[in-house]
């Protein structure tokens, strides 16, 4: 009866994945839990994510303050 055993060559390090596209820089911010919960409810009703809702809210704020689109 033969059993397959792992050999050292088959247990090598994982091959490195080629770099995908460069990551976009991101800023992490905190929002109060009550605001997050309310935004998540709206996001769910619109079939989108909290992240997308925060982006929309930020752009809306910037438009109202004449800061969107950014000037080059």
PDB file of N, CA and C in Angstrom:
ATOM      1  N   UNK A   1       0.852  -1.173   0.000  1.00  0.00           N
ATOM      2  CA  UNK A   1       0.000   0.000   0.000  1.00  0.00           C
ATOM      3  C   UNK A   1       0.890   1.226   0.000  1.00  0.00           C
ATOM      4  N   UNK A   2       0.697   2.088  -0.973  1.00  0.00           N
ATOM      5  CA  UNK A   2       1.532   3.285  -1.023  1.00  0.00           C
ATOM      6  C   UNK A   2       0.729   4.493  -0.569  1.00  0.00           C
ATOM      7  N   UNK A   3       1.370   5.313   0.179  1.00  0.00           N
ATOM      8  CA  UNK A   3       0.710   6.547   0.624  1.00  0.00           C
ATOM      9  C   UNK A   3       1.504   7.710   0.080  1.00  0.00           C
ATOM     10  N   UNK A   4       0.802   8.726  -0.310  1.00  0.00           N
ATOM     11  CA  UNK A   4       1.468   9.921  -0.834  1.00  0.00           C
ATOM     12  C   UNK A   4       1.969  10.742   0.338  1.00  0.00           C
ATOM     13  N   UNK A   5       3.211  11.089   0.270  1.00  0.00           N
ATOM     14  CA  UNK A   5       3.770  11.936   1.322  1.00  0.00           C
ATOM     15  C   UNK A   5       4.285  13.210   0.696  1.00  0.00           C
ATOM     16  N   UNK A   6       4.200  14.263   1.451  1.00  0.00           N
ATOM     17  CA  UNK A   6       4.693  15.549   0.961  1.00  0.00           C
ATOM     18  C   UNK A   6       6.211  15.526   1.003  1.00  0.00           C
ATOM     19  N   UNK A   7       6.795  16.019  -0.036  1.00  0.00           N
ATOM     20  CA  UNK A   7       8.249  16.113  -0.060  1.00  0.00           C
ATOM     21  C   UNK A   7       8.656  17.562   0.057  1.00  0.00           C
ATOM     22  N   UNK A   8       9.853  17.781   0.472  1.00  0.00           N
ATOM     23  CA  UNK A   8      10.326  19.138   0.687  1.00  0.00           C
ATOM     24  C   UNK A   8      10.157  20.025  -0.541  1.00  0.00           C
ATOM     25  N   UNK A   9      10.478  19.567  -1.746  1.00  0.00           N
ATOM     26  CA  UNK A   9      10.280  20.444  -2.912  1.00  0.00           C
ATOM     27  C   UNK A   9       8.822  20.851  -3.116  1.00  0.00           C
ATOM     28  N   UNK A  10       7.871  19.989  -2.752  1.00  0.00           N
ATOM     29  CA  UNK A  10       6.466  20.347  -2.958  1.00  0.00           C
ATOM     30  C   UNK A  10       5.942  21.252  -1.851  1.00  0.00           C
ATOM     31  N   UNK A  11       6.743  21.485  -0.828  1.00  0.00           N
ATOM     32  CA  UNK A  11       6.315  22.315   0.291  1.00  0.00           C
ATOM     33  C   UNK A  11       7.026  23.661   0.270  1.00  0.00           C
ATOM     34  N   UNK A  12       7.422  24.103  -0.899  1.00  0.00           N
ATOM     35  CA  UNK A  12       8.150  25.358  -1.024  1.00  0.00           C
ATOM     36  C   UNK A  12       7.306  26.557  -0.663  1.00  0.00           C
ATOM     37  N   UNK A  13       7.968  27.693  -0.643  1.00  0.00           N
ATOM     38  CA  UNK A  13       7.270  28.948  -0.351  1.00  0.00           C
ATOM     39  C   UNK A  13       6.241  29.226  -1.427  1.00  0.00           C
ATOM     40  N   UNK A  14       5.243  29.984  -1.031  1.00  0.00           N
ATOM     41  CA  UNK A  14       4.243  30.385  -2.031  1.00  0.00           C
ATOM     42  C   UNK A  14       4.909  31.242  -3.092  1.00  0.00           C
ATOM     43  N   UNK A  15       4.461  31.050  -4.293  1.00  0.00           N
ATOM     44  CA  UNK A  15       4.973  31.896  -5.369  1.00  0.00           C
ATOM     45  C   UNK A  15       4.374  33.287  -5.215  1.00  0.00           C
ATOM     46  N   UNK A  16       5.204  34.291  -5.397  1.00  0.00           N
ATOM     47  CA  UNK A  16       4.704  35.657  -5.270  1.00  0.00           C
ATOM     48  C   UNK A  16       3.808  35.994  -6.444  1.00  0.00           C
ATOM     49  N   UNK A  17       2.700  36.655  -6.106  1.00  0.00           N
ATOM     50  CA  UNK A  17       1.780  37.113  -7.134  1.00  0.00           C
ATOM     51  C   UNK A  17       2.383  38.354  -7.793  1.00  0.00           C
ATOM     52  N   UNK A  18       2.269  38.463  -9.099  1.00  0.00           N
ATOM     53  CA  UNK A  18       2.749  39.698  -9.727  1.00  0.00           C
ATOM     54  C   UNK A  18       1.919  40.874  -9.225  1.00  0.00           C
ATOM     55  N   UNK A  19       2.573  42.017  -9.101  1.00  0.00           N
ATOM     56  CA  UNK A  19       1.855  43.204  -8.626  1.00  0.00           C
ATOM     57  C   UNK A  19       0.678  43.494  -9.532  1.00  0.00           C
ATOM     58  N   UNK A  20      -0.440  43.731  -8.901  1.00  0.00           N
ATOM     59  CA  UNK A  20      -1.611  44.159  -9.659  1.00  0.00           C
ATOM     60  C   UNK A  20      -1.436  45.651  -9.903  1.00  0.00           C
ATOM     61  N   UNK A  21      -2.497  46.343 -10.177  1.00  0.00           N
ATOM     62  CA  UNK A  21      -2.375  47.781 -10.385  1.00  0.00           C
ATOM     63  C   UNK A  21      -1.975  48.440  -9.065  1.00  0.00           C
ATOM     64  N   UNK A  22      -1.285  49.565  -9.138  1.00  0.00           N
ATOM     65  CA  UNK A  22      -0.880  50.241  -7.899  1.00  0.00           C
ATOM     66  C   UNK A  22      -2.104  50.645  -7.082  1.00  0.00           C
ATOM     67  N   UNK A  23      -1.984  50.510  -5.773  1.00  0.00           N
ATOM     68  CA  UNK A  23      -3.082  50.865  -4.897  1.00  0.00           C
ATOM     69  C   UNK A  23      -3.268  52.376  -4.861  1.00  0.00           C
ATOM     70  N   UNK A  24      -4.514  52.799  -4.865  1.00  0.00           N
ATOM     71  CA  UNK A  24      -4.811  54.214  -4.730  1.00  0.00           C
ATOM     72  C   UNK A  24      -4.624  54.594  -3.275  1.00  0.00           C
ATOM     73  N   UNK A  25      -4.088  55.773  -3.014  1.00  0.00           N
ATOM     74  CA  UNK A  25      -3.959  56.181  -1.608  1.00  0.00           C
ATOM     75  C   UNK A  25      -5.338  56.361  -0.993  1.00  0.00           C
ATOM     76  N   UNK A  26      -5.471  55.983   0.259  1.00  0.00           N
ATOM     77  CA  UNK A  26      -6.754  56.079   0.951  1.00  0.00           C
ATOM     78  C   UNK A  26      -6.561  56.761   2.277  1.00  0.00           C
ATOM     79  N   UNK A  27      -7.614  57.417   2.731  1.00  0.00           N
ATOM     80  CA  UNK A  27      -7.651  58.024   4.049  1.00  0.00           C
ATOM     81  C   UNK A  27      -8.695  57.281   4.854  1.00  0.00           C
ATOM     82  N   UNK A  28      -8.346  56.884   6.033  1.00  0.00           N
ATOM     83  CA  UNK A  28      -9.311  56.235   6.909  1.00  0.00           C
ATOM     84  C   UNK A  28      -9.849  57.282   7.865  1.00  0.00           C
ATOM     85  N   UNK A  29     -11.149  57.340   7.974  1.00  0.00           N
ATOM     86  CA  UNK A  29     -11.790  58.294   8.878  1.00  0.00           C
ATOM     87  C   UNK A  29     -12.805  57.544   9.726  1.00  0.00           C
ATOM     88  N   UNK A  30     -13.118  58.098  10.867  1.00  0.00           N
ATOM     89  CA  UNK A  30     -14.114  57.492  11.734  1.00  0.00           C
ATOM     90  C   UNK A  30     -15.392  58.309  11.720  1.00  0.00           C
ATOM     91  N   UNK A  31     -16.503  57.623  11.784  1.00  0.00           N
ATOM     92  CA  UNK A  31     -17.778  58.320  11.912  1.00  0.00           C
ATOM     93  C   UNK A  31     -18.500  57.715  13.114  1.00  0.00           C
ATOM     94  N   UNK A  32     -19.272  58.521  13.810  1.00  0.00           N
ATOM     95  CA  UNK A  32     -19.979  58.008  14.981  1.00  0.00           C
ATOM     96  C   UNK A  32     -20.920  56.861  14.613  1.00  0.00           C
ATOM     97  N   UNK A  33     -21.076  55.896  15.519  1.00  0.00           N
ATOM     98  CA  UNK A  33     -21.918  54.728  15.233  1.00  0.00           C
ATOM     99  C   UNK A  33     -23.352  55.078  14.837  1.00  0.00           C
ATOM    100  N   UNK A  34     -23.933  56.113  15.436  1.00  0.00           N
ATOM    101  CA  UNK A  34     -25.324  56.473  15.084  1.00  0.00           C
ATOM    102  C   UNK A  34     -25.412  56.947  13.635  1.00  0.00           C
ATOM    103  N   UNK A  35     -24.432  57.721  13.197  1.00  0.00           N
ATOM    104  CA  UNK A  35     -24.429  58.185  11.803  1.00  0.00           C
ATOM    105  C   UNK A  35     -24.213  56.993  10.875  1.00  0.00           C
ATOM    106  N   UNK A  36     -23.275  56.118  11.231  1.00  0.00           N
ATOM    107  CA  UNK A  36     -23.006  54.937  10.401  1.00  0.00           C
ATOM    108  C   UNK A  36     -24.254  54.068  10.270  1.00  0.00           C
ATOM    109  N   UNK A  37     -24.972  53.874  11.370  1.00  0.00           N
ATOM    110  CA  UNK A  37     -26.182  53.042  11.330  1.00  0.00           C
ATOM    111  C   UNK A  37     -27.240  53.650  10.420  1.00  0.00           C
ATOM    112  N   UNK A  38     -27.424  54.969  10.527  1.00  0.00           N
ATOM    113  CA  UNK A  38     -28.417  55.633   9.674  1.00  0.00           C
ATOM    114  C   UNK A  38     -28.008  55.550   8.204  1.00  0.00           C
ATOM    115  N   UNK A  39     -26.720  55.754   7.935  1.00  0.00           N
ATOM    116  CA  UNK A  39     -26.244  55.683   6.551  1.00  0.00           C
ATOM    117  C   UNK A  39     -26.359  54.261   6.007  1.00  0.00           C
ATOM    118  N   UNK A  40     -26.106  53.264   6.844  1.00  0.00           N
ATOM    119  CA  UNK A  40     -26.234  51.873   6.397  1.00  0.00           C
ATOM    120  C   UNK A  40     -27.679  51.538   6.048  1.00  0.00           C
ATOM    121  N   UNK A  41     -28.636  52.088   6.793  1.00  0.00           N
ATOM    122  CA  UNK A  41     -30.046  51.861   6.465  1.00  0.00           C
ATOM    123  C   UNK A  41     -30.373  52.428   5.089  1.00  0.00           C
ATOM    124  N   UNK A  42     -29.903  53.637   4.829  1.00  0.00           N
ATOM    125  CA  UNK A  42     -30.149  54.253   3.515  1.00  0.00           C
ATOM    126  C   UNK A  42     -29.447  53.437   2.433  1.00  0.00           C
ATOM    127  N   UNK A  43     -28.210  53.035   2.706  1.00  0.00           N
ATOM    128  CA  UNK A  43     -27.454  52.246   1.728  1.00  0.00           C
ATOM    129  C   UNK A  43     -28.181  50.952   1.388  1.00  0.00           C
ATOM    130  N   UNK A  44     -28.714  50.297   2.411  1.00  0.00           N
ATOM    131  CA  UNK A  44     -29.437  49.039   2.175  1.00  0.00           C
ATOM    132  C   UNK A  44     -30.659  49.270   1.290  1.00  0.00           C
ATOM    133  N   UNK A  45     -31.380  50.355   1.538  1.00  0.00           N
ATOM    134  CA  UNK A  45     -32.573  50.627   0.735  1.00  0.00           C
ATOM    135  C   UNK A  45     -32.218  50.978  -0.706  1.00  0.00           C
ATOM    136  N   UNK A  46     -31.008  51.464  -0.917  1.00  0.00           N
ATOM    137  CA  UNK A  46     -30.557  51.815  -2.277  1.00  0.00           C
ATOM    138  C   UNK A  46     -29.701  50.723  -2.898  1.00  0.00           C
ATOM    139  N   UNK A  47     -29.552  49.601  -2.180  1.00  0.00           N
ATOM    140  CA  UNK A  47     -28.741  48.473  -2.652  1.00  0.00           C
ATOM    141  C   UNK A  47     -27.317  48.912  -2.983  1.00  0.00           C
ATOM    142  N   UNK A  48     -26.703  49.600  -2.035  1.00  0.00           N
ATOM    143  CA  UNK A  48     -25.318  50.022  -2.186  1.00  0.00           C
ATOM    144  C   UNK A  48     -24.609  49.826  -0.850  1.00  0.00           C
ATOM    145  N   UNK A  49     -23.421  50.362  -0.714  1.00  0.00           N
ATOM    146  CA  UNK A  49     -22.627  50.157   0.497  1.00  0.00           C
ATOM    147  C   UNK A  49     -22.506  51.434   1.309  1.00  0.00           C
ATOM    148  N   UNK A  50     -22.110  51.278   2.553  1.00  0.00           N
ATOM    149  CA  UNK A  50     -21.855  52.435   3.413  1.00  0.00           C
ATOM    150  C   UNK A  50     -20.752  53.302   2.806  1.00  0.00           C
ATOM    151  N   UNK A  51     -19.721  52.683   2.286  1.00  0.00           N
ATOM    152  CA  UNK A  51     -18.623  53.433   1.672  1.00  0.00           C
ATOM    153  C   UNK A  51     -19.123  54.326   0.545  1.00  0.00           C
ATOM    154  N   UNK A  52     -19.963  53.764  -0.308  1.00  0.00           N
ATOM    155  CA  UNK A  52     -20.503  54.550  -1.424  1.00  0.00           C
ATOM    156  C   UNK A  52     -21.362  55.693  -0.910  1.00  0.00           C
ATOM    157  N   UNK A  53     -22.146  55.442   0.130  1.00  0.00           N
ATOM    158  CA  UNK A  53     -22.987  56.500   0.697  1.00  0.00           C
ATOM    159  C   UNK A  53     -22.129  57.629   1.278  1.00  0.00           C
ATOM    160  N   UNK A  54     -21.034  57.295   1.925  1.00  0.00           N
ATOM    161  CA  UNK A  54     -20.144  58.323   2.480  1.00  0.00           C
ATOM    162  C   UNK A  54     -19.521  59.138   1.351  1.00  0.00           C
ATOM    163  N   UNK A  55     -19.114  58.471   0.261  1.00  0.00           N
ATOM    164  CA  UNK A  55     -18.570  59.217  -0.882  1.00  0.00           C
ATOM    165  C   UNK A  55     -19.593  60.184  -1.449  1.00  0.00           C
ATOM    166  N   UNK A  56     -20.828  59.720  -1.611  1.00  0.00           N
ATOM    167  CA  UNK A  56     -21.899  60.571  -2.138  1.00  0.00           C
ATOM    168  C   UNK A  56     -22.128  61.769  -1.216  1.00  0.00           C
ATOM    169  N   UNK A  57     -22.174  61.518   0.090  1.00  0.00           N
ATOM    170  CA  UNK A  57     -22.392  62.598   1.055  1.00  0.00           C
ATOM    171  C   UNK A  57     -21.253  63.618   1.006  1.00  0.00           C
ATOM    172  N   UNK A  58     -20.034  63.142   0.884  1.00  0.00           N
ATOM    173  CA  UNK A  58     -18.883  64.057   0.810  1.00  0.00           C
ATOM    174  C   UNK A  58     -18.938  64.913  -0.455  1.00  0.00           C
ATOM    175  N   UNK A  59     -19.244  64.281  -1.576  1.00  0.00           N
ATOM    176  CA  UNK A  59     -19.324  65.043  -2.822  1.00  0.00           C
ATOM    177  C   UNK A  59     -20.454  66.053  -2.753  1.00  0.00           C
ATOM    178  N   UNK A  60     -21.594  65.677  -2.200  1.00  0.00           N
ATOM    179  CA  UNK A  60     -22.718  66.606  -2.037  1.00  0.00           C
ATOM    180  C   UNK A  60     -22.292  67.812  -1.187  1.00  0.00           C
ATOM    181  N   UNK A  61     -21.594  67.564  -0.105  1.00  0.00           N
ATOM    182  CA  UNK A  61     -21.102  68.639   0.759  1.00  0.00           C
ATOM    183  C   UNK A  61     -20.164  69.566  -0.016  1.00  0.00           C
ATOM    184  N   UNK A  62     -19.251  68.964  -0.776  1.00  0.00           N
ATOM    185  CA  UNK A  62     -18.292  69.763  -1.542  1.00  0.00           C
ATOM    186  C   UNK A  62     -18.977  70.590  -2.628  1.00  0.00           C
ATOM    187  N   UNK A  63     -19.985  70.035  -3.290  1.00  0.00           N
ATOM    188  CA  UNK A  63     -20.741  70.780  -4.305  1.00  0.00           C
ATOM    189  C   UNK A  63     -21.413  71.985  -3.663  1.00  0.00           C
ATOM    190  N   UNK A  64     -22.033  71.792  -2.502  1.00  0.00           N
ATOM    191  CA  UNK A  64     -22.725  72.888  -1.823  1.00  0.00           C
ATOM    192  C   UNK A  64     -21.772  73.987  -1.385  1.00  0.00           C
ATOM    193  N   UNK A  65     -20.498  73.641  -1.212  1.00  0.00           N
ATOM    194  CA  UNK A  65     -19.497  74.630  -0.804  1.00  0.00           C
ATOM    195  C   UNK A  65     -18.584  75.040  -1.959  1.00  0.00           C
ATOM    196  N   UNK A  66     -19.053  74.797  -3.183  1.00  0.00           N
ATOM    197  CA  UNK A  66     -18.337  75.183  -4.401  1.00  0.00           C
ATOM    198  C   UNK A  66     -16.896  74.670  -4.419  1.00  0.00           C
ATOM    199  N   UNK A  67     -16.704  73.420  -3.996  1.00  0.00           N
ATOM    200  CA  UNK A  67     -15.366  72.817  -3.994  1.00  0.00           C
ATOM    201  C   UNK A  67     -15.308  71.569  -4.864  1.00  0.00           C
ATOM    202  N   UNK A  68     -16.408  71.289  -5.604  1.00  0.00           N
ATOM    203  CA  UNK A  68     -16.420  70.119  -6.471  1.00  0.00           C
ATOM    204  C   UNK A  68     -16.906  70.509  -7.835  1.00  0.00           C
ATOM    205  N   UNK A  69     -16.272  70.091  -8.887  1.00  0.00           N
ATOM    206  CA  UNK A  69     -15.071  69.261  -8.917  1.00  0.00           C
ATOM    207  C   UNK A  69     -13.838  70.058  -8.507  1.00  0.00           C
ATOM    208  N   UNK A  70     -12.799  69.353  -8.046  1.00  0.00           N
ATOM    209  CA  UNK A  70     -11.582  70.058  -7.637  1.00  0.00           C
ATOM    210  C   UNK A  70     -10.968  70.819  -8.799  1.00  0.00           C
ATOM    211  N   UNK A  71     -10.448  71.961  -8.496  1.00  0.00           N
ATOM    212  CA  UNK A  71      -9.787  72.752  -9.541  1.00  0.00           C
ATOM    213  C   UNK A  71      -8.360  72.264  -9.721  1.00  0.00           C
ATOM    214  N   UNK A  72      -7.934  72.193 -10.951  1.00  0.00           N
ATOM    215  CA  UNK A  72      -6.558  71.724 -11.225  1.00  0.00           C
ATOM    216  C   UNK A  72      -5.534  72.785 -11.028  1.00  0.00           C
TER     217      UNK A  72
END
